[in-house]
Amino acid sequence: MDSIKQTASGGHELRKYPNYEDSGSEWVGKVPRGWKLQRLKYVAMMNRQELPENTPRDYSFKYFDIGSIESGGRKSAPSEYTFENAPSRARRIVHAQDTILATVRTYLKAVSYFENPDPNTVVSTGFAVLSPIKEKIDPKYLYHQITAEILIQDVVANSSGVSYPAINPSQLGCLDIILPPLVTQKKIAAYLDEKTATIDEAIEKKRRQVELLKEKCAAMINRAVTVGLDSKIEQVDSEIPWPEQIPKGWRIYRLKFFCDFQSGDGFPEEMQGEKRGDLPFFKVSDINGEGKWAEEPSNFVSKLDALKMRWHPIPSGSIMMAKIGAALAKNHRKVTTTTSYIDNNTMAVSGNNKLVTGDYLYWLWKNIDLKDFQNISSVPSVNMGQVRGLRYPLPPKAEQQNITMYLDEKTAIIDQAVQKINRSIELLAEYKSSLITNIVTGKVAV
């Protein structure tokens, strides 16, 4: 970490500009002499082009939604659609040197830069597409300014809504950004491009380490729940395409014979955001992250409200997972620790105790990829008929317990390693954010 800081700072002490003056904003404080505050709408055009409703139905494009952009600007691979089957929010066209900023769920800090995108690149209407007026602002300086924590916090502070905070374009355009002279902007942009690239490279290496550890963990789980722990045990024909053989004593069942499935309920936005209550109400976003247990719900509800809304409780020990939308690709699982409620983008699975233990069922479901059972549409969703009918090997309960103990122990070691690497990634990201903020606010000179 220290070596990264030294490299990112150029190996010399960070210095200040010779003279500072009051910016006129308590939020910003003092800035170097000659710098000024300017409303965003005066230096960048916002959402300048969208796909019209008369776009040819067979027009194809690459699409980025909110989930495609991570904090820090990293992009996932875009989805490809034709206009006919695209989500209704796939409308905003991105041009070279544009910056996009999420205006919904603003706490996600989803910002990214497009240097030279494909000509048919489109993003969600949940983004503001900022096109720099180049006589006033350098494109890369605009991007770095937008990613600065001081601006992001201003966006969040001006957002409305509890569970789904959003800022409208007119409010966004009225936010102040810090504007040095154009020649200084270009110097800052070049400096931050070089220094943040060093940090991003270090972060990417660590992310790859995490991916390799997760791949190792997934392979271990797959082997344990399909062929068991004893490689010497006699294998017999499974009579299904996969796996072709199973250990002697195991049996093949359809999931519906040892799993109980339960869908979630609608959760009105006006009822969301309560941090206290009788029972937790989990949303898809609560299923993200590492770890087995669902211990940090974002919402609580009262038993009285649950009765009025006719919500269906799910029992403690149920395995929650996404059943619709982009979250399907993440394939996360969480286990409830108390009676709970789940939203209608989510489903829960519990086990038939005669055939399977709850602890073993968790590992079995960690090995099932619901992307293999999704309906083909603009919004992916699970084909529950196919899932219920899936034939899967199941060991005797005594062996389930042995496999559970083995996986609990081995995956805990991997999880600790992943947590350590993720913490180092967080520290690097914090340092990058601090560096950008200090540079674009003029606290540190380049």
Protein backbone atom coordinates (compact mmCIF):
# COMPACT_ATOMS: atom_id res chain seq x y z
CA MET A 1 0.00 0.00 0.00
CA ASP A 2 2.78 2.43 0.92
CA SER A 3 4.61 1.65 -2.33
CA ILE A 4 1.43 2.38 -4.28
CA LYS A 5 1.05 5.72 -2.51
CA GLN A 6 4.66 6.60 -3.27
CA THR A 7 4.25 5.65 -6.93
CA ALA A 8 0.93 7.50 -7.24
CA SER A 9 2.40 10.66 -5.71
CA GLY A 10 5.37 10.55 -8.05
CA GLY A 11 7.77 9.75 -5.25
CA HIS A 12 7.83 13.32 -3.89
CA GLU A 13 6.10 15.27 -1.17
CA LEU A 14 2.71 16.63 -2.14
CA ARG A 15 2.76 20.42 -2.36
CA LYS A 16 0.24 23.26 -2.27
CA TYR A 17 -0.49 26.18 -4.59
CA PRO A 18 1.11 29.51 -3.56
CA ASN A 19 -2.10 31.48 -2.91
CA TYR A 20 -5.65 30.58 -1.90
CA GLU A 21 -8.88 32.55 -1.65
CA ASP A 22 -12.37 31.92 -0.36
CA SER A 23 -14.55 30.06 -2.88
CA GLY A 24 -17.75 31.59 -1.56
CA SER A 25 -19.01 28.14 -0.62
CA GLU A 26 -18.84 26.73 2.88
CA TRP A 27 -19.07 23.30 1.26
CA VAL A 28 -15.84 23.84 -0.71
CA GLY A 29 -13.85 26.25 1.43
CA LYS A 30 -10.74 27.89 0.01
CA VAL A 31 -9.48 27.26 -3.53
CA PRO A 32 -6.33 28.34 -5.36
CA ARG A 33 -6.39 31.93 -6.65
CA GLY A 34 -7.86 32.07 -10.14
CA TRP A 35 -10.09 29.04 -9.61
CA LYS A 36 -13.87 29.49 -9.42
CA LEU A 37 -17.11 27.66 -8.82
CA GLN A 38 -19.37 27.11 -11.79
CA ARG A 39 -22.70 25.36 -12.09
CA LEU A 40 -22.43 22.07 -13.90
CA LYS A 41 -25.05 23.01 -16.50
CA TYR A 42 -22.83 25.87 -17.76
CA VAL A 43 -19.85 23.64 -18.58
CA ALA A 44 -21.54 20.43 -19.77
CA MET A 45 -24.58 19.52 -21.86
CA MET A 46 -26.84 16.99 -20.17
CA ASN A 47 -28.61 14.11 -21.92
CA ARG A 48 -28.15 15.71 -25.32
CA GLN A 49 -29.36 12.75 -27.40
CA GLU A 50 -31.78 9.86 -26.84
CA LEU A 51 -33.21 7.11 -29.00
CA PRO A 52 -36.58 8.37 -30.28
CA GLU A 53 -39.69 6.21 -30.08
CA ASN A 54 -39.68 5.81 -33.87
CA THR A 55 -36.27 4.12 -33.82
CA PRO A 56 -36.28 1.11 -36.19
CA ARG A 57 -37.29 -2.00 -34.27
CA ASP A 58 -34.26 -3.94 -35.52
CA TYR A 59 -31.73 -1.24 -34.53
CA SER A 60 -29.11 -3.00 -32.38
CA PHE A 61 -27.00 -1.39 -29.67
CA LYS A 62 -24.84 -2.05 -26.62
CA TYR A 63 -26.47 -1.16 -23.34
CA PHE A 64 -25.15 -0.24 -19.90
CA ASP A 65 -27.58 -0.18 -16.98
CA ILE A 66 -26.93 0.98 -13.40
CA GLY A 67 -25.65 -2.45 -12.40
CA SER A 68 -23.04 -2.35 -15.19
CA ILE A 69 -21.06 0.47 -13.56
CA GLU A 70 -19.20 0.10 -10.30
CA SER A 71 -17.95 2.77 -7.94
CA GLY A 72 -14.57 3.75 -9.34
CA GLY A 73 -15.68 3.75 -12.98
CA ARG A 74 -15.20 0.07 -13.74
CA LYS A 75 -17.58 -1.22 -16.41
CA SER A 76 -19.05 -4.69 -16.80
CA ALA A 77 -19.59 -6.01 -20.31
CA PRO A 78 -22.63 -4.32 -21.90
CA SER A 79 -25.79 -6.19 -22.86
CA GLU A 80 -26.76 -6.27 -26.52
CA TYR A 81 -30.32 -5.52 -27.59
CA THR A 82 -32.44 -4.52 -30.53
CA PHE A 83 -34.78 -1.59 -29.93
CA GLU A 84 -37.76 -3.94 -30.08
CA ASN A 85 -36.73 -6.09 -27.11
CA ALA A 86 -34.75 -3.52 -25.10
CA PRO A 87 -35.81 -2.26 -21.66
CA SER A 88 -37.83 0.96 -21.89
CA ARG A 89 -35.11 2.80 -19.95
CA ALA A 90 -32.47 1.99 -22.61
CA ARG A 91 -32.56 5.37 -24.33
CA ARG A 92 -29.62 7.70 -23.67
CA ILE A 93 -26.89 7.80 -26.31
CA VAL A 94 -23.26 8.16 -25.26
CA HIS A 95 -20.65 9.96 -27.37
CA ALA A 96 -16.86 10.16 -27.23
CA GLN A 97 -15.48 11.78 -24.05
CA ASP A 98 -18.83 11.75 -22.24
CA THR A 99 -19.11 11.08 -18.52
CA ILE A 100 -22.12 9.26 -17.08
CA LEU A 101 -23.36 9.66 -13.52
CA ALA A 102 -26.12 7.63 -11.87
CA THR A 103 -29.01 9.88 -10.86
CA VAL A 104 -30.91 7.04 -9.14
CA ARG A 105 -29.57 5.09 -6.17
CA THR A 106 -26.99 7.86 -5.99
CA TYR A 107 -25.32 6.25 -2.97
CA LEU A 108 -23.84 3.69 -5.40
CA LYS A 109 -21.50 6.40 -6.74
CA ALA A 110 -21.76 4.94 -10.24
CA VAL A 111 -19.70 7.20 -12.52
CA SER A 112 -17.82 6.25 -15.67
CA TYR A 113 -16.02 7.81 -18.64
CA PHE A 114 -16.32 6.85 -22.31
CA GLU A 115 -13.19 7.82 -24.24
CA ASN A 116 -14.19 6.37 -27.59
CA PRO A 117 -17.33 4.21 -27.27
CA ASP A 118 -18.90 2.18 -30.04
CA PRO A 119 -21.22 4.45 -32.03
CA ASN A 120 -24.23 2.42 -30.92
CA THR A 121 -23.65 2.70 -27.18
CA VAL A 122 -26.72 3.44 -25.04
CA VAL A 123 -27.13 3.82 -21.28
CA SER A 124 -30.08 3.76 -18.90
CA THR A 125 -32.21 6.83 -18.27
CA GLY A 126 -31.04 6.30 -14.68
CA PHE A 127 -27.81 8.01 -15.79
CA ALA A 128 -27.15 11.63 -16.60
CA VAL A 129 -24.95 11.76 -19.71
CA LEU A 130 -22.60 14.75 -19.38
CA SER A 131 -21.04 16.05 -22.59
CA PRO A 132 -18.31 18.62 -21.86
CA ILE A 133 -18.33 22.04 -23.49
CA LYS A 134 -14.68 21.80 -24.41
CA GLU A 135 -14.04 25.53 -24.56
CA LYS A 136 -14.85 25.61 -20.85
CA ILE A 137 -13.86 22.26 -19.40
CA ASP A 138 -11.47 19.45 -20.25
CA PRO A 139 -13.37 16.14 -20.73
CA LYS A 140 -11.14 14.10 -18.42
CA TYR A 141 -11.07 16.87 -15.82
CA LEU A 142 -14.88 16.80 -15.84
CA TYR A 143 -14.79 13.06 -15.20
CA HIS A 144 -12.33 13.37 -12.32
CA GLN A 145 -14.31 16.27 -10.87
CA ILE A 146 -17.53 14.21 -10.99
CA THR A 147 -15.83 11.26 -9.24
CA ALA A 148 -14.50 13.47 -6.45
CA GLU A 149 -16.06 12.67 -3.09
CA ILE A 150 -17.00 16.31 -2.51
CA LEU A 151 -19.21 16.29 -5.63
CA ILE A 152 -20.64 12.82 -4.99
CA GLN A 153 -21.65 13.82 -1.47
CA ASP A 154 -23.32 16.93 -2.89
CA VAL A 155 -25.28 14.71 -5.30
CA VAL A 156 -26.35 12.39 -2.48
CA ALA A 157 -27.31 15.31 -0.24
CA ASN A 158 -29.57 16.72 -2.96
CA SER A 159 -31.26 13.38 -3.72
CA SER A 160 -34.84 12.61 -2.72
CA GLY A 161 -36.28 9.31 -1.53
CA VAL A 162 -35.29 6.88 1.20
CA SER A 163 -34.90 3.45 -0.37
CA TYR A 164 -34.42 4.70 -3.95
CA PRO A 165 -32.77 8.13 -3.68
CA ALA A 166 -32.62 10.09 -6.91
CA ILE A 167 -31.68 13.53 -8.17
CA ASN A 168 -33.42 15.14 -11.14
CA PRO A 169 -31.41 16.68 -14.02
CA SER A 170 -32.33 20.27 -13.16
CA GLN A 171 -31.03 19.85 -9.60
CA LEU A 172 -27.90 18.14 -10.84
CA GLY A 173 -27.21 20.92 -13.32
CA CYS A 174 -27.36 23.50 -10.53
CA LEU A 175 -24.64 21.84 -8.46
CA ASP A 176 -21.32 23.67 -8.33
CA ILE A 177 -18.10 22.19 -9.61
CA ILE A 178 -14.61 23.59 -9.09
CA LEU A 179 -13.18 25.10 -12.25
CA PRO A 180 -9.49 25.97 -12.61
CA PRO A 181 -8.18 27.66 -15.76
CA LEU A 182 -8.35 25.32 -18.77
CA VAL A 183 -4.58 24.82 -18.94
CA THR A 184 -4.58 23.75 -15.29
CA GLN A 185 -7.51 21.41 -15.91
CA LYS A 186 -5.54 19.62 -18.62
CA LYS A 187 -2.51 19.33 -16.35
CA ILE A 188 -4.65 17.94 -13.52
CA ALA A 189 -6.39 15.47 -15.86
CA ALA A 190 -3.08 14.15 -17.18
CA TYR A 191 -1.67 13.83 -13.66
CA LEU A 192 -4.71 11.97 -12.33
CA ASP A 193 -4.91 9.72 -15.39
CA GLU A 194 -1.37 8.55 -14.72
CA LYS A 195 -1.63 8.20 -10.95
CA THR A 196 -5.07 6.58 -10.82
CA ALA A 197 -4.00 4.11 -13.52
CA THR A 198 -1.29 2.88 -11.15
CA ILE A 199 -3.84 2.42 -8.37
CA ASP A 200 -6.38 0.79 -10.69
CA GLU A 201 -3.76 -1.69 -11.88
CA ALA A 202 -3.02 -2.71 -8.28
CA ILE A 203 -6.74 -3.03 -7.54
CA GLU A 204 -7.29 -5.15 -10.66
CA LYS A 205 -4.54 -7.57 -9.64
CA LYS A 206 -6.14 -8.00 -6.24
CA ARG A 207 -9.58 -8.50 -7.80
CA ARG A 208 -8.11 -11.26 -9.94
CA GLN A 209 -6.74 -12.89 -6.78
CA VAL A 210 -10.26 -12.81 -5.33
CA GLU A 211 -11.71 -14.29 -8.53
CA LEU A 212 -9.21 -17.16 -8.45
CA LEU A 213 -10.02 -17.90 -4.82
CA LYS A 214 -13.75 -17.88 -5.60
CA GLU A 215 -13.21 -20.20 -8.56
CA LYS A 216 -11.29 -22.57 -6.28
CA CYS A 217 -14.12 -22.42 -3.74
CA ALA A 218 -16.80 -23.05 -6.40
CA ALA A 219 -14.91 -26.07 -7.75
CA MET A 220 -14.59 -27.49 -4.25
CA ILE A 221 -18.31 -27.06 -3.55
CA ASN A 222 -19.24 -28.58 -6.92
CA ARG A 223 -17.14 -31.68 -6.29
CA ALA A 224 -18.41 -32.13 -2.73
CA VAL A 225 -22.13 -31.97 -3.59
CA THR A 226 -21.95 -34.03 -6.78
CA VAL A 227 -19.36 -36.77 -6.10
CA GLY A 228 -18.79 -36.51 -2.35
CA LEU A 229 -15.58 -36.47 -0.32
CA ASP A 230 -14.34 -40.03 -0.81
CA SER A 231 -12.76 -40.43 -4.24
CA LYS A 232 -12.37 -44.20 -3.70
CA ILE A 233 -16.05 -44.95 -3.21
CA GLU A 234 -17.75 -46.96 -5.96
CA GLN A 235 -19.48 -44.82 -8.61
CA VAL A 236 -22.73 -45.87 -10.27
CA ASP A 237 -24.64 -44.66 -13.33
CA SER A 238 -26.83 -41.66 -12.39
CA GLU A 239 -29.25 -42.13 -15.34
CA ILE A 240 -29.22 -38.35 -15.94
CA PRO A 241 -27.05 -36.26 -18.31
CA TRP A 242 -25.17 -34.59 -15.44
CA PRO A 243 -23.47 -35.85 -13.41
CA GLU A 244 -23.15 -39.09 -15.37
CA GLN A 245 -22.04 -41.01 -12.26
CA ILE A 246 -22.75 -40.61 -8.56
CA PRO A 247 -21.41 -42.35 -5.44
CA LYS A 248 -23.13 -45.60 -4.51
CA GLY A 249 -25.84 -44.90 -1.94
CA TRP A 250 -26.73 -41.50 -3.37
CA ARG A 251 -30.10 -40.98 -5.06
CA ILE A 252 -31.42 -38.66 -7.74
CA TYR A 253 -34.41 -36.46 -6.87
CA ARG A 254 -36.14 -33.58 -8.56
CA LEU A 255 -35.67 -30.42 -6.53
CA LYS A 256 -39.41 -30.12 -5.94
CA PHE A 257 -39.33 -33.34 -3.87
CA PHE A 258 -36.96 -32.00 -1.23
CA CYS A 259 -37.23 -28.20 -1.62
CA ASP A 260 -40.10 -25.89 -0.74
CA PHE A 261 -40.16 -22.76 -2.89
CA GLN A 262 -41.66 -19.45 -1.87
CA SER A 263 -41.91 -16.21 -3.83
CA GLY A 264 -41.74 -12.76 -2.30
CA ASP A 265 -44.30 -9.98 -1.99
CA GLY A 266 -44.69 -6.45 -3.27
CA PHE A 267 -43.05 -3.91 -0.97
CA PRO A 268 -44.44 -0.37 -1.50
CA GLU A 269 -41.73 2.28 -1.52
CA GLU A 270 -43.55 4.39 1.07
CA MET A 271 -43.22 1.51 3.56
CA GLN A 272 -39.49 1.14 3.02
CA GLY A 273 -36.64 2.64 5.01
CA GLU A 274 -37.68 1.64 8.56
CA LYS A 275 -34.60 0.57 10.53
CA ARG A 276 -36.62 -0.86 13.42
CA GLY A 277 -39.62 -3.16 13.55
CA ASP A 278 -40.85 -6.61 14.41
CA LEU A 279 -39.41 -8.50 11.45
CA PRO A 280 -36.90 -7.88 8.64
CA PHE A 281 -38.03 -7.36 5.05
CA PHE A 282 -35.26 -8.34 2.64
CA LYS A 283 -34.76 -6.93 -0.84
CA VAL A 284 -32.47 -8.25 -3.58
CA SER A 285 -29.80 -5.71 -2.59
CA ASP A 286 -29.64 -7.32 0.88
CA ILE A 287 -28.52 -10.61 -0.68
CA ASN A 288 -25.35 -9.11 -2.15
CA GLY A 289 -21.95 -9.46 -0.54
CA GLU A 290 -19.95 -12.23 1.01
CA GLY A 291 -20.99 -14.50 3.84
CA LYS A 292 -23.77 -16.99 4.45
CA TRP A 293 -26.09 -15.25 6.87
CA ALA A 294 -28.60 -12.47 6.16
CA GLU A 295 -27.74 -10.33 9.15
CA GLU A 296 -28.03 -6.76 7.83
CA PRO A 297 -31.53 -6.10 6.47
CA SER A 298 -32.14 -2.63 5.09
CA ASN A 299 -35.81 -2.63 6.11
CA PHE A 300 -38.01 -3.72 9.00
CA VAL A 301 -41.80 -3.98 9.19
CA SER A 302 -44.39 -4.44 11.90
CA LYS A 303 -46.47 -7.58 12.31
CA LEU A 304 -49.59 -5.42 11.93
CA ASP A 305 -48.45 -4.09 8.54
CA ALA A 306 -47.58 -7.63 7.46
CA LEU A 307 -51.12 -8.75 8.27
CA LYS A 308 -52.69 -5.77 6.49
CA MET A 309 -50.56 -6.34 3.38
CA ARG A 310 -51.07 -10.13 3.49
CA TRP A 311 -47.36 -10.74 3.13
CA HIS A 312 -46.16 -14.32 3.33
CA PRO A 313 -43.53 -15.00 6.01
CA ILE A 314 -40.56 -17.20 5.23
CA PRO A 315 -39.15 -19.36 8.02
CA SER A 316 -35.79 -18.96 9.69
CA GLY A 317 -33.11 -20.95 7.87
CA SER A 318 -34.54 -20.26 4.41
CA ILE A 319 -32.12 -19.65 1.54
CA MET A 320 -32.84 -16.38 -0.27
CA MET A 321 -31.83 -15.63 -3.87
CA ALA A 322 -32.72 -13.29 -6.72
CA LYS A 323 -35.25 -14.58 -9.26
CA ILE A 324 -35.47 -11.65 -11.68
CA GLY A 325 -33.27 -8.91 -13.13
CA ALA A 326 -29.53 -8.33 -13.38
CA ALA A 327 -28.99 -9.73 -9.87
CA LEU A 328 -29.51 -13.22 -11.31
CA ALA A 329 -26.03 -13.05 -12.81
CA LYS A 330 -24.46 -12.56 -9.37
CA ASN A 331 -25.94 -15.84 -8.10
CA HIS A 332 -25.72 -14.80 -4.44
CA ARG A 333 -27.28 -16.76 -1.58
CA LYS A 334 -28.15 -15.68 1.96
CA VAL A 335 -29.76 -17.63 4.81
CA THR A 336 -32.33 -16.03 7.12
CA THR A 337 -31.75 -16.16 10.86
CA THR A 338 -35.34 -15.35 11.84
CA THR A 339 -38.82 -15.31 10.34
CA SER A 340 -38.65 -12.74 7.54
CA TYR A 341 -40.34 -11.27 4.49
CA ILE A 342 -38.85 -10.92 1.00
CA ASP A 343 -39.70 -8.70 -1.96
CA ASN A 344 -41.13 -9.95 -5.23
CA ASN A 345 -37.75 -9.92 -7.02
CA THR A 346 -36.62 -12.60 -4.63
CA MET A 347 -37.45 -16.20 -3.78
CA ALA A 348 -36.71 -18.42 -0.81
CA VAL A 349 -36.01 -22.13 -0.55
CA SER A 350 -36.28 -24.37 2.49
CA GLY A 351 -35.77 -28.10 2.78
CA ASN A 352 -37.77 -31.25 3.39
CA ASN A 353 -36.17 -32.40 6.63
CA LYS A 354 -36.77 -36.07 5.83
CA LEU A 355 -34.40 -35.94 2.87
CA VAL A 356 -32.04 -33.02 3.39
CA THR A 357 -30.55 -30.94 6.18
CA GLY A 358 -30.87 -27.17 6.00
CA ASP A 359 -27.11 -26.66 6.24
CA TYR A 360 -26.42 -29.06 3.37
CA LEU A 361 -29.15 -27.48 1.27
CA TYR A 362 -27.29 -24.17 1.40
CA TRP A 363 -24.20 -25.73 -0.18
CA LEU A 364 -26.30 -27.56 -2.77
CA TRP A 365 -27.92 -24.26 -3.83
CA LYS A 366 -24.54 -22.53 -3.94
CA ASN A 367 -23.77 -24.98 -6.75
CA ILE A 368 -26.91 -24.21 -8.79
CA ASP A 369 -26.56 -21.37 -11.27
CA LEU A 370 -29.98 -19.84 -11.90
CA LYS A 371 -28.72 -18.16 -15.07
CA ASP A 372 -29.04 -21.62 -16.64
CA PHE A 373 -32.82 -21.45 -16.05
CA GLN A 374 -33.71 -17.92 -17.06
CA ASN A 375 -36.40 -16.96 -19.53
CA ILE A 376 -35.16 -15.12 -22.61
CA SER A 377 -36.56 -11.58 -22.43
CA SER A 378 -35.45 -7.98 -21.93
CA VAL A 379 -35.64 -8.56 -18.17
CA PRO A 380 -34.17 -11.96 -17.21
CA SER A 381 -36.30 -14.08 -14.89
CA VAL A 382 -36.13 -17.62 -13.59
CA ASN A 383 -38.20 -20.33 -15.25
CA MET A 384 -39.48 -21.92 -12.04
CA GLY A 385 -40.90 -24.96 -13.83
CA GLN A 386 -37.43 -25.91 -15.03
CA VAL A 387 -35.90 -25.23 -11.61
CA ARG A 388 -38.44 -27.35 -9.73
CA GLY A 389 -37.96 -30.17 -12.23
CA LEU A 390 -34.15 -30.19 -12.05
CA ARG A 391 -32.85 -33.65 -11.11
CA TYR A 392 -30.04 -33.51 -8.58
CA PRO A 393 -27.96 -36.07 -6.64
CA LEU A 394 -28.55 -36.27 -2.91
CA PRO A 395 -26.40 -38.22 -0.42
CA PRO A 396 -27.70 -39.88 2.75
CA LYS A 397 -28.18 -37.42 5.61
CA ALA A 398 -25.16 -38.72 7.53
CA GLU A 399 -22.95 -37.96 4.55
CA GLN A 400 -24.65 -34.58 4.11
CA GLN A 401 -23.48 -33.68 7.61
CA ASN A 402 -19.89 -34.73 6.82
CA ILE A 403 -19.89 -32.70 3.61
CA THR A 404 -21.35 -29.70 5.44
CA MET A 405 -18.62 -29.82 8.11
CA TYR A 406 -15.94 -30.13 5.43
CA LEU A 407 -17.24 -27.22 3.37
CA ASP A 408 -17.83 -25.03 6.44
CA GLU A 409 -14.18 -25.49 7.45
CA LYS A 410 -12.54 -25.19 4.02
CA THR A 411 -14.60 -22.27 2.75
CA ALA A 412 -14.03 -20.35 6.00
CA ILE A 413 -10.30 -20.36 5.23
CA ILE A 414 -10.92 -19.07 1.70
CA ASP A 415 -13.42 -16.49 2.97
CA GLN A 416 -10.83 -15.09 5.38
CA ALA A 417 -8.33 -14.73 2.56
CA VAL A 418 -10.94 -13.03 0.37
CA GLN A 419 -11.88 -10.63 3.19
CA LYS A 420 -8.25 -9.67 3.67
CA ILE A 421 -7.75 -8.95 -0.03
CA ASN A 422 -11.06 -7.07 -0.26
CA ARG A 423 -10.00 -4.89 2.65
CA SER A 424 -6.79 -3.99 0.84
CA ILE A 425 -8.89 -3.15 -2.24
CA GLU A 426 -11.08 -0.87 -0.11
CA LEU A 427 -8.00 0.92 1.25
CA LEU A 428 -6.63 1.45 -2.25
CA ALA A 429 -10.01 2.76 -3.42
CA GLU A 430 -10.15 5.12 -0.43
CA TYR A 431 -6.67 6.40 -1.22
CA LYS A 432 -7.63 6.92 -4.88
CA SER A 433 -10.75 8.86 -3.84
CA SER A 434 -8.73 10.99 -1.43
CA LEU A 435 -6.10 11.71 -4.08
CA ILE A 436 -8.70 12.79 -6.66
CA THR A 437 -10.54 15.01 -4.18
CA ASN A 438 -7.37 16.70 -2.95
CA ILE A 439 -6.21 17.39 -6.51
CA VAL A 440 -9.47 18.69 -8.03
CA THR A 441 -10.21 20.89 -5.02
CA GLY A 442 -6.73 22.41 -5.21
CA LYS A 443 -5.69 21.23 -1.75
CA VAL A 444 -2.68 19.64 -3.46
CA ALA A 445 -0.88 21.14 -6.45
CA VAL A 446 0.26 19.32 -9.58
